[in-house]
């Protein structure tokens, strides 16, 4: 079973390398990490910094904003479809 690390731990480990200038292999050994795992965390951190490591099932703030926008568009499209159907029903009753 793979170990799970929280966001704070990952950021702490990454900052030891990125900000303190320590060697990744040395930090990985001290923290009992697989060096490749730490390298992945470093790459992910360099892409998004504090928004990295959102956790399983969660979205980054940028992804969340896009999801909410897409959901709003779907909701509005559904409302328009319902209104069009209602207009058709009322137009038939007017004749």
Protein backbone atom coordinates (compact mmCIF):
# COMPACT_ATOMS: atom_id res chain seq x y z
CA UNK A 1 0.00 0.00 0.00
CA UNK A 2 1.39 3.38 -1.00
CA UNK A 3 1.97 6.01 1.64
CA UNK A 4 -0.11 9.17 1.41
CA UNK A 5 1.37 12.55 2.21
CA UNK A 6 -0.58 15.72 2.89
CA UNK A 7 -0.11 18.96 0.97
CA UNK A 8 1.90 20.62 3.74
CA UNK A 9 4.43 17.79 3.85
CA UNK A 10 4.87 17.82 0.08
CA UNK A 11 5.41 21.59 0.01
CA UNK A 12 7.85 21.33 2.92
CA UNK A 13 9.87 18.65 1.12
CA UNK A 14 9.86 20.55 -2.18
CA UNK A 15 10.91 23.84 -0.56
CA UNK A 16 13.91 22.14 1.04
CA UNK A 17 15.15 21.53 -2.50
CA UNK A 18 13.78 24.55 -4.40
CA UNK A 19 14.28 27.31 -1.85
CA UNK A 20 17.04 25.97 0.40
CA UNK A 21 19.06 24.58 -2.51
CA UNK A 22 19.51 21.12 -1.03
CA UNK A 23 19.97 18.04 -3.19
CA UNK A 24 16.75 16.15 -3.95
CA UNK A 25 18.37 12.77 -3.26
CA UNK A 26 19.56 13.96 0.16
CA UNK A 27 16.14 15.35 1.12
CA UNK A 28 14.40 12.20 -0.13
CA UNK A 29 16.70 10.03 1.97
CA UNK A 30 16.15 12.18 5.10
CA UNK A 31 12.37 12.14 4.70
CA UNK A 32 12.23 8.45 3.72
CA UNK A 33 10.90 9.21 0.23
CA UNK A 34 11.52 7.59 -3.11
CA UNK A 35 13.70 10.13 -5.01
CA UNK A 36 11.48 9.89 -8.12
CA UNK A 37 8.45 10.80 -6.01
CA UNK A 38 10.17 13.93 -4.74
CA UNK A 39 11.21 14.82 -8.31
CA UNK A 40 7.54 14.55 -9.42
CA UNK A 41 6.49 16.81 -6.54
CA UNK A 42 9.15 19.35 -7.50
CA UNK A 43 7.97 19.40 -11.13
CA UNK A 44 4.36 19.77 -10.05
CA UNK A 45 5.27 22.54 -7.61
CA UNK A 46 7.19 24.46 -10.28
CA UNK A 47 4.08 24.37 -12.50
CA UNK A 48 1.57 25.68 -9.95
CA UNK A 49 3.44 26.49 -6.73
CA UNK A 50 0.95 26.86 -3.84
CA UNK A 51 -1.94 25.50 -5.94
CA UNK A 52 -0.10 22.19 -6.36
CA UNK A 53 -1.15 19.07 -4.50
CA UNK A 54 -4.89 19.79 -4.28
CA UNK A 55 -5.58 16.22 -3.20
CA UNK A 56 -7.48 13.32 -4.60
CA UNK A 57 -10.88 14.29 -5.97
CA UNK A 58 -10.24 18.01 -5.66
CA UNK A 59 -9.63 20.59 -8.37
CA UNK A 60 -7.08 23.36 -8.53
CA UNK A 61 -8.62 26.86 -8.29
CA UNK A 62 -8.11 27.35 -12.05
CA UNK A 63 -9.76 24.00 -12.87
CA UNK A 64 -12.58 24.72 -10.40
CA UNK A 65 -13.32 28.08 -12.06
CA UNK A 66 -13.48 26.40 -15.47
CA UNK A 67 -15.75 23.67 -14.12
CA UNK A 68 -18.11 26.24 -12.55
CA UNK A 69 -18.20 28.26 -15.78
CA UNK A 70 -18.99 25.15 -17.84
CA UNK A 71 -21.71 24.13 -15.37
CA UNK A 72 -23.27 27.60 -15.55
CA UNK A 73 -23.29 27.39 -19.37
CA UNK A 74 -24.97 23.95 -19.25
CA UNK A 75 -27.58 25.26 -16.80
CA UNK A 76 -28.33 28.28 -18.99
CA UNK A 77 -28.58 26.12 -22.12
CA UNK A 78 -31.07 23.88 -20.29
CA UNK A 79 -33.13 26.92 -19.24
CA UNK A 80 -33.22 28.18 -22.85
CA UNK A 81 -34.39 24.75 -24.08
CA UNK A 82 -37.19 24.70 -21.49
CA UNK A 83 -38.27 28.23 -22.42
CA UNK A 84 -38.32 27.33 -26.13
CA UNK A 85 -40.57 24.33 -25.39
CA UNK A 86 -42.86 26.50 -23.29
CA UNK A 87 -43.07 29.11 -26.07
CA UNK A 88 -44.02 26.36 -28.52
CA UNK A 89 -46.79 25.12 -26.23
CA UNK A 90 -48.18 28.62 -25.70
CA UNK A 91 -47.98 29.42 -29.43
CA UNK A 92 -50.07 26.29 -30.22
CA UNK A 93 -52.67 27.31 -27.62
CA UNK A 94 -52.91 30.83 -29.16
CA UNK A 95 -54.16 29.48 -32.50
